[in-house]
Amino acid sequence: MPKTFTLDIGDKVAYSVDFLRNIGQSHSAMARGRGTVIDRTALTSDFILITIDWNGAKLPPKVNEQNLAKVGSNTRFCA
């Protein structure tokens, strides 16, 4: 069984490559944004809202966990 994607407080994150492609923002400020998870709130069993410190970038502070990726070598971050 594949491991379910989750984020923890302190993880370094960016928007996932698939999310950016889906909204046409692959080469935007959103694609360059990097931040740190500072909180996670389960709104339902399927919807986790992640609060991010974007290190001064003007990006939404709360994002659906499934639209994010851990920064580093993995298919959610770079394909």
PDB file of N, CA and C in Angstrom:
ATOM      1  N   MET A   1       0.842  -1.175   0.000  1.00  0.00           N
ATOM      2  CA  MET A   1       0.000   0.000   0.000  1.00  0.00           C
ATOM      3  C   MET A   1       0.894   1.247   0.000  1.00  0.00           C
ATOM      4  N   PRO A   2       0.625   2.212  -0.908  1.00  0.00           N
ATOM      5  CA  PRO A   2       1.453   3.424  -0.966  1.00  0.00           C
ATOM      6  C   PRO A   2       1.250   4.285   0.276  1.00  0.00           C
ATOM      7  N   LYS A   3       2.315   4.963   0.666  1.00  0.00           N
ATOM      8  CA  LYS A   3       2.250   5.855   1.812  1.00  0.00           C
ATOM      9  C   LYS A   3       1.449   7.105   1.446  1.00  0.00           C
ATOM     10  N   THR A   4       0.553   7.510   2.333  1.00  0.00           N
ATOM     11  CA  THR A   4      -0.241   8.711   2.138  1.00  0.00           C
ATOM     12  C   THR A   4       0.648   9.934   2.337  1.00  0.00           C
ATOM     13  N   PHE A   5       0.509  10.911   1.450  1.00  0.00           N
ATOM     14  CA  PHE A   5       1.285  12.143   1.552  1.00  0.00           C
ATOM     15  C   PHE A   5       0.784  12.982   2.718  1.00  0.00           C
ATOM     16  N   THR A   6       1.681  13.369   3.598  1.00  0.00           N
ATOM     17  CA  THR A   6       1.349  14.264   4.704  1.00  0.00           C
ATOM     18  C   THR A   6       2.517  15.217   4.961  1.00  0.00           C
ATOM     19  N   LEU A   7       2.205  16.316   5.563  1.00  0.00           N
ATOM     20  CA  LEU A   7       3.221  17.293   5.951  1.00  0.00           C
ATOM     21  C   LEU A   7       3.192  17.459   7.463  1.00  0.00           C
ATOM     22  N   ASP A   8       4.349  17.787   8.015  1.00  0.00           N
ATOM     23  CA  ASP A   8       4.471  18.017   9.447  1.00  0.00           C
ATOM     24  C   ASP A   8       4.964  19.431   9.701  1.00  0.00           C
ATOM     25  N   ILE A   9       4.687  19.947  10.887  1.00  0.00           N
ATOM     26  CA  ILE A   9       5.191  21.256  11.278  1.00  0.00           C
ATOM     27  C   ILE A   9       6.714  21.233  11.179  1.00  0.00           C
ATOM     28  N   GLY A  10       7.267  22.270  10.548  1.00  0.00           N
ATOM     29  CA  GLY A  10       8.708  22.374  10.341  1.00  0.00           C
ATOM     30  C   GLY A  10       9.162  21.930   8.965  1.00  0.00           C
ATOM     31  N   ASP A  11       8.314  21.212   8.208  1.00  0.00           N
ATOM     32  CA  ASP A  11       8.689  20.790   6.846  1.00  0.00           C
ATOM     33  C   ASP A  11       8.868  21.998   5.942  1.00  0.00           C
ATOM     34  N   LYS A  12       9.856  21.934   5.066  1.00  0.00           N
ATOM     35  CA  LYS A  12      10.064  22.949   4.029  1.00  0.00           C
ATOM     36  C   LYS A  12       9.175  22.565   2.851  1.00  0.00           C
ATOM     37  N   VAL A  13       8.372  23.512   2.353  1.00  0.00           N
ATOM     38  CA  VAL A  13       7.395  23.208   1.317  1.00  0.00           C
ATOM     39  C   VAL A  13       7.414  24.206   0.168  1.00  0.00           C
ATOM     40  N   ALA A  14       6.789  23.780  -0.920  1.00  0.00           N
ATOM     41  CA  ALA A  14       6.530  24.605  -2.099  1.00  0.00           C
ATOM     42  C   ALA A  14       5.228  24.066  -2.701  1.00  0.00           C
ATOM     43  N   TYR A  15       4.664  24.812  -3.638  1.00  0.00           N
ATOM     44  CA  TYR A  15       3.507  24.276  -4.341  1.00  0.00           C
ATOM     45  C   TYR A  15       3.948  23.089  -5.183  1.00  0.00           C
ATOM     46  N   SER A  16       3.101  22.061  -5.305  1.00  0.00           N
ATOM     47  CA  SER A  16       3.454  20.877  -6.093  1.00  0.00           C
ATOM     48  C   SER A  16       3.457  21.219  -7.578  1.00  0.00           C
ATOM     49  N   VAL A  17       4.307  20.530  -8.314  1.00  0.00           N
ATOM     50  CA  VAL A  17       4.437  20.759  -9.746  1.00  0.00           C
ATOM     51  C   VAL A  17       3.113  20.487 -10.468  1.00  0.00           C
ATOM     52  N   ASP A  18       2.373  19.463 -10.069  1.00  0.00           N
ATOM     53  CA  ASP A  18       1.085  19.163 -10.712  1.00  0.00           C
ATOM     54  C   ASP A  18       0.066  20.268 -10.462  1.00  0.00           C
ATOM     55  N   PHE A  19       0.004  20.775  -9.241  1.00  0.00           N
ATOM     56  CA  PHE A  19      -0.923  21.868  -8.929  1.00  0.00           C
ATOM     57  C   PHE A  19      -0.595  23.097  -9.767  1.00  0.00           C
ATOM     58  N   LEU A  20       0.688  23.452  -9.838  1.00  0.00           N
ATOM     59  CA  LEU A  20       1.091  24.625 -10.614  1.00  0.00           C
ATOM     60  C   LEU A  20       0.749  24.469 -12.094  1.00  0.00           C
ATOM     61  N   ARG A  21       0.970  23.279 -12.651  1.00  0.00           N
ATOM     62  CA  ARG A  21       0.607  23.027 -14.058  1.00  0.00           C
ATOM     63  C   ARG A  21      -0.892  23.171 -14.251  1.00  0.00           C
ATOM     64  N   ASN A  22      -1.679  22.604 -13.325  1.00  0.00           N
ATOM     65  CA  ASN A  22      -3.138  22.631 -13.449  1.00  0.00           C
ATOM     66  C   ASN A  22      -3.710  24.039 -13.446  1.00  0.00           C
ATOM     67  N   ILE A  23      -3.059  24.969 -12.754  1.00  0.00           N
ATOM     68  CA  ILE A  23      -3.577  26.338 -12.707  1.00  0.00           C
ATOM     69  C   ILE A  23      -2.775  27.286 -13.603  1.00  0.00           C
ATOM     70  N   GLY A  24      -1.864  26.748 -14.414  1.00  0.00           N
ATOM     71  CA  GLY A  24      -1.108  27.557 -15.368  1.00  0.00           C
ATOM     72  C   GLY A  24      -0.096  28.494 -14.724  1.00  0.00           C
ATOM     73  N   GLN A  25       0.497  28.076 -13.608  1.00  0.00           N
ATOM     74  CA  GLN A  25       1.433  28.943 -12.881  1.00  0.00           C
ATOM     75  C   GLN A  25       2.827  28.314 -12.748  1.00  0.00           C
ATOM     76  N   SER A  26       3.213  27.478 -13.706  1.00  0.00           N
ATOM     77  CA  SER A  26       4.496  26.759 -13.613  1.00  0.00           C
ATOM     78  C   SER A  26       5.721  27.657 -13.576  1.00  0.00           C
ATOM     79  N   HIS A  27       5.619  28.871 -14.106  1.00  0.00           N
ATOM     80  CA  HIS A  27       6.776  29.782 -14.165  1.00  0.00           C
ATOM     81  C   HIS A  27       6.458  31.116 -13.503  1.00  0.00           C
ATOM     82  N   SER A  28       5.809  31.043 -12.363  1.00  0.00           N
ATOM     83  CA  SER A  28       5.346  32.259 -11.690  1.00  0.00           C
ATOM     84  C   SER A  28       6.007  32.411 -10.325  1.00  0.00           C
ATOM     85  N   ALA A  29       5.623  33.471  -9.628  1.00  0.00           N
ATOM     86  CA  ALA A  29       6.101  33.673  -8.254  1.00  0.00           C
ATOM     87  C   ALA A  29       5.653  32.509  -7.371  1.00  0.00           C
ATOM     88  N   MET A  30       4.479  31.948  -7.661  1.00  0.00           N
ATOM     89  CA  MET A  30       4.020  30.789  -6.890  1.00  0.00           C
ATOM     90  C   MET A  30       5.000  29.626  -7.036  1.00  0.00           C
ATOM     91  N   ALA A  31       5.520  29.424  -8.238  1.00  0.00           N
ATOM     92  CA  ALA A  31       6.442  28.308  -8.485  1.00  0.00           C
ATOM     93  C   ALA A  31       7.775  28.507  -7.771  1.00  0.00           C
ATOM     94  N   ARG A  32       8.146  29.746  -7.532  1.00  0.00           N
ATOM     95  CA  ARG A  32       9.420  30.035  -6.848  1.00  0.00           C
ATOM     96  C   ARG A  32       9.282  30.092  -5.337  1.00  0.00           C
ATOM     97  N   GLY A  33       8.057  30.106  -4.833  1.00  0.00           N
ATOM     98  CA  GLY A  33       7.823  30.226  -3.402  1.00  0.00           C
ATOM     99  C   GLY A  33       8.296  29.022  -2.603  1.00  0.00           C
ATOM    100  N   ARG A  34       8.948  29.293  -1.490  1.00  0.00           N
ATOM    101  CA  ARG A  34       9.388  28.258  -0.551  1.00  0.00           C
ATOM    102  C   ARG A  34       9.018  28.728   0.840  1.00  0.00           C
ATOM    103  N   GLY A  35       8.557  27.810   1.676  1.00  0.00           N
ATOM    104  CA  GLY A  35       8.167  28.199   3.021  1.00  0.00           C
ATOM    105  C   GLY A  35       8.298  27.055   4.002  1.00  0.00           C
ATOM    106  N   THR A  36       7.868  27.322   5.221  1.00  0.00           N
ATOM    107  CA  THR A  36       7.935  26.349   6.306  1.00  0.00           C
ATOM    108  C   THR A  36       6.542  26.165   6.899  1.00  0.00           C
ATOM    109  N   VAL A  37       6.155  24.907   7.110  1.00  0.00           N
ATOM    110  CA  VAL A  37       4.859  24.602   7.725  1.00  0.00           C
ATOM    111  C   VAL A  37       4.898  25.043   9.186  1.00  0.00           C
ATOM    112  N   ILE A  38       3.915  25.884   9.575  1.00  0.00           N
ATOM    113  CA  ILE A  38       3.859  26.328  10.969  1.00  0.00           C
ATOM    114  C   ILE A  38       2.619  25.808  11.692  1.00  0.00           C
ATOM    115  N   ASP A  39       1.639  25.270  10.941  1.00  0.00           N
ATOM    116  CA  ASP A  39       0.443  24.697  11.565  1.00  0.00           C
ATOM    117  C   ASP A  39      -0.277  23.824  10.557  1.00  0.00           C
ATOM    118  N   ARG A  40      -1.042  22.879  11.067  1.00  0.00           N
ATOM    119  CA  ARG A  40      -1.897  22.041  10.216  1.00  0.00           C
ATOM    120  C   ARG A  40      -3.220  21.833  10.933  1.00  0.00           C
ATOM    121  N   THR A  41      -4.307  21.995  10.176  1.00  0.00           N
ATOM    122  CA  THR A  41      -5.643  21.875  10.744  1.00  0.00           C
ATOM    123  C   THR A  41      -6.461  20.934   9.883  1.00  0.00           C
ATOM    124  N   ALA A  42      -6.973  19.876  10.489  1.00  0.00           N
ATOM    125  CA  ALA A  42      -7.825  18.928   9.762  1.00  0.00           C
ATOM    126  C   ALA A  42      -9.253  19.479   9.755  1.00  0.00           C
ATOM    127  N   LEU A  43      -9.706  19.907   8.582  1.00  0.00           N
ATOM    128  CA  LEU A  43     -11.073  20.402   8.464  1.00  0.00           C
ATOM    129  C   LEU A  43     -12.037  19.240   8.271  1.00  0.00           C
ATOM    130  N   THR A  44     -11.611  18.222   7.534  1.00  0.00           N
ATOM    131  CA  THR A  44     -12.313  16.941   7.406  1.00  0.00           C
ATOM    132  C   THR A  44     -11.218  15.874   7.349  1.00  0.00           C
ATOM    133  N   SER A  45     -11.606  14.618   7.242  1.00  0.00           N
ATOM    134  CA  SER A  45     -10.598  13.558   7.166  1.00  0.00           C
ATOM    135  C   SER A  45      -9.798  13.635   5.866  1.00  0.00           C
ATOM    136  N   ASP A  46     -10.347  14.274   4.827  1.00  0.00           N
ATOM    137  CA  ASP A  46      -9.682  14.368   3.523  1.00  0.00           C
ATOM    138  C   ASP A  46      -9.058  15.742   3.256  1.00  0.00           C
ATOM    139  N   PHE A  47      -9.355  16.723   4.077  1.00  0.00           N
ATOM    140  CA  PHE A  47      -8.927  18.091   3.790  1.00  0.00           C
ATOM    141  C   PHE A  47      -8.141  18.652   4.964  1.00  0.00           C
ATOM    142  N   ILE A  48      -6.824  18.782   4.769  1.00  0.00           N
ATOM    143  CA  ILE A  48      -5.935  19.335   5.784  1.00  0.00           C
ATOM    144  C   ILE A  48      -5.489  20.710   5.303  1.00  0.00           C
ATOM    145  N   LEU A  49      -5.706  21.710   6.126  1.00  0.00           N
ATOM    146  CA  LEU A  49      -5.305  23.070   5.805  1.00  0.00           C
ATOM    147  C   LEU A  49      -3.947  23.326   6.458  1.00  0.00           C
ATOM    148  N   ILE A  50      -2.960  23.670   5.633  1.00  0.00           N
ATOM    149  CA  ILE A  50      -1.599  23.902   6.095  1.00  0.00           C
ATOM    150  C   ILE A  50      -1.344  25.403   6.160  1.00  0.00           C
ATOM    151  N   THR A  51      -0.829  25.880   7.291  1.00  0.00           N
ATOM    152  CA  THR A  51      -0.434  27.275   7.442  1.00  0.00           C
ATOM    153  C   THR A  51       1.065  27.357   7.210  1.00  0.00           C
ATOM    154  N   ILE A  52       1.471  28.291   6.348  1.00  0.00           N
ATOM    155  CA  ILE A  52       2.861  28.370   5.889  1.00  0.00           C
ATOM    156  C   ILE A  52       3.444  29.748   6.146  1.00  0.00           C
ATOM    157  N   ASP A  53       4.681  29.768   6.603  1.00  0.00           N
ATOM    158  CA  ASP A  53       5.469  30.999   6.663  1.00  0.00           C
ATOM    159  C   ASP A  53       6.269  31.014   5.362  1.00  0.00           C
ATOM    160  N   TRP A  54       5.892  31.878   4.433  1.00  0.00           N
ATOM    161  CA  TRP A  54       6.522  31.932   3.103  1.00  0.00           C
ATOM    162  C   TRP A  54       7.790  32.791   3.104  1.00  0.00           C
ATOM    163  N   ASN A  55       8.355  33.086   4.224  1.00  0.00           N
ATOM    164  CA  ASN A  55       9.617  33.845   4.306  1.00  0.00           C
ATOM    165  C   ASN A  55       9.533  35.184   3.577  1.00  0.00           C
ATOM    166  N   GLY A  56       8.424  35.887   3.775  1.00  0.00           N
ATOM    167  CA  GLY A  56       8.268  37.215   3.194  1.00  0.00           C
ATOM    168  C   GLY A  56       7.599  37.264   1.832  1.00  0.00           C
ATOM    169  N   ALA A  57       7.466  36.126   1.154  1.00  0.00           N
ATOM    170  CA  ALA A  57       6.789  36.113  -0.152  1.00  0.00           C
ATOM    171  C   ALA A  57       5.296  36.370   0.059  1.00  0.00           C
ATOM    172  N   LYS A  58       4.674  37.050  -0.895  1.00  0.00           N
ATOM    173  CA  LYS A  58       3.258  37.371  -0.791  1.00  0.00           C
ATOM    174  C   LYS A  58       2.431  36.257  -1.430  1.00  0.00           C
ATOM    175  N   LEU A  59       2.313  35.156  -0.692  1.00  0.00           N
ATOM    176  CA  LEU A  59       1.542  33.993  -1.124  1.00  0.00           C
ATOM    177  C   LEU A  59       0.515  33.664  -0.050  1.00  0.00           C
ATOM    178  N   PRO A  60      -0.553  32.955  -0.404  1.00  0.00           N
ATOM    179  CA  PRO A  60      -1.580  32.640   0.592  1.00  0.00           C
ATOM    180  C   PRO A  60      -0.992  31.881   1.790  1.00  0.00           C
ATOM    181  N   PRO A  61      -1.309  32.321   2.993  1.00  0.00           N
ATOM    182  CA  PRO A  61      -0.729  31.669   4.174  1.00  0.00           C
ATOM    183  C   PRO A  61      -1.339  30.310   4.500  1.00  0.00           C
ATOM    184  N   LYS A  62      -2.523  30.017   3.966  1.00  0.00           N
ATOM    185  CA  LYS A  62      -3.178  28.731   4.224  1.00  0.00           C
ATOM    186  C   LYS A  62      -3.465  28.041   2.898  1.00  0.00           C
ATOM    187  N   VAL A  63      -3.033  26.767   2.809  1.00  0.00           N
ATOM    188  CA  VAL A  63      -3.113  26.025   1.544  1.00  0.00           C
ATOM    189  C   VAL A  63      -3.549  24.595   1.826  1.00  0.00           C
ATOM    190  N   ASN A  64      -4.358  24.042   0.929  1.00  0.00           N
ATOM    191  CA  ASN A  64      -4.721  22.631   1.004  1.00  0.00           C
ATOM    192  C   ASN A  64      -3.442  21.786   0.929  1.00  0.00           C
ATOM    193  N   GLU A  65      -3.269  20.863   1.865  1.00  0.00           N
ATOM    194  CA  GLU A  65      -2.070  20.025   1.919  1.00  0.00           C
ATOM    195  C   GLU A  65      -1.779  19.334   0.582  1.00  0.00           C
ATOM    196  N   GLN A  66      -2.810  18.916  -0.133  1.00  0.00           N
ATOM    197  CA  GLN A  66      -2.622  18.178  -1.383  1.00  0.00           C
ATOM    198  C   GLN A  66      -2.083  19.050  -2.517  1.00  0.00           C
ATOM    199  N   ASN A  67      -2.044  20.366  -2.336  1.00  0.00           N
ATOM    200  CA  ASN A  67      -1.492  21.265  -3.353  1.00  0.00           C
ATOM    201  C   ASN A  67      -0.029  21.609  -3.094  1.00  0.00           C
ATOM    202  N   LEU A  68       0.565  20.978  -2.087  1.00  0.00           N
ATOM    203  CA  LEU A  68       1.935  21.271  -1.696  1.00  0.00           C
ATOM    204  C   LEU A  68       2.854  20.074  -1.898  1.00  0.00           C
ATOM    205  N   ALA A  69       4.143  20.346  -1.818  1.00  0.00           N
ATOM    206  CA  ALA A  69       5.172  19.296  -1.895  1.00  0.00           C
ATOM    207  C   ALA A  69       6.280  19.646  -0.920  1.00  0.00           C
ATOM    208  N   LYS A  70       6.921  18.613  -0.382  1.00  0.00           N
ATOM    209  CA  LYS A  70       8.125  18.860   0.411  1.00  0.00           C
ATOM    210  C   LYS A  70       9.226  19.273  -0.547  1.00  0.00           C
ATOM    211  N   VAL A  71      10.020  20.257  -0.172  1.00  0.00           N
ATOM    212  CA  VAL A  71      11.134  20.703  -0.998  1.00  0.00           C
ATOM    213  C   VAL A  71      12.205  19.623  -0.972  1.00  0.00           C
ATOM    214  N   GLY A  72      12.644  19.223  -2.147  1.00  0.00           N
ATOM    215  CA  GLY A  72      13.683  18.194  -2.265  1.00  0.00           C
ATOM    216  C   GLY A  72      13.374  17.256  -3.406  1.00  0.00           C
ATOM    217  N   SER A  73      14.163  16.256  -3.521  1.00  0.00           N
ATOM    218  CA  SER A  73      14.042  15.300  -4.617  1.00  0.00           C
ATOM    219  C   SER A  73      12.855  14.376  -4.404  1.00  0.00           C
ATOM    220  N   ASN A  74      11.736  14.661  -5.084  1.00  0.00           N
ATOM    221  CA  ASN A  74      10.555  13.807  -5.065  1.00  0.00           C
ATOM    222  C   ASN A  74       9.648  14.227  -6.200  1.00  0.00           C
ATOM    223  N   THR A  75       8.745  13.349  -6.610  1.00  0.00           N
ATOM    224  CA  THR A  75       7.914  13.615  -7.801  1.00  0.00           C
ATOM    225  C   THR A  75       6.876  14.699  -7.577  1.00  0.00           C
ATOM    226  N   ARG A  76       6.507  15.014  -6.349  1.00  0.00           N
ATOM    227  CA  ARG A  76       5.558  16.106  -6.122  1.00  0.00           C
ATOM    228  C   ARG A  76       6.229  17.457  -6.310  1.00  0.00           C
ATOM    229  N   PHE A  77       7.532  17.530  -5.980  1.00  0.00           N
ATOM    230  CA  PHE A  77       8.267  18.792  -6.061  1.00  0.00           C
ATOM    231  C   PHE A  77       8.811  19.045  -7.460  1.00  0.00           C
ATOM    232  N   CYS A  78       9.386  18.035  -8.077  1.00  0.00           N
ATOM    233  CA  CYS A  78       9.925  18.191  -9.427  1.00  0.00           C
ATOM    234  C   CYS A  78       9.654  16.919 -10.217  1.00  0.00           C
ATOM    235  N   ALA A  79       9.126  17.096 -11.399  1.00  0.00           N
ATOM    236  CA  ALA A  79       8.785  15.928 -12.228  1.00  0.00           C
ATOM    237  C   ALA A  79       9.698  15.843 -13.429  1.00  0.00           C
TER     238      ALA A  79
END
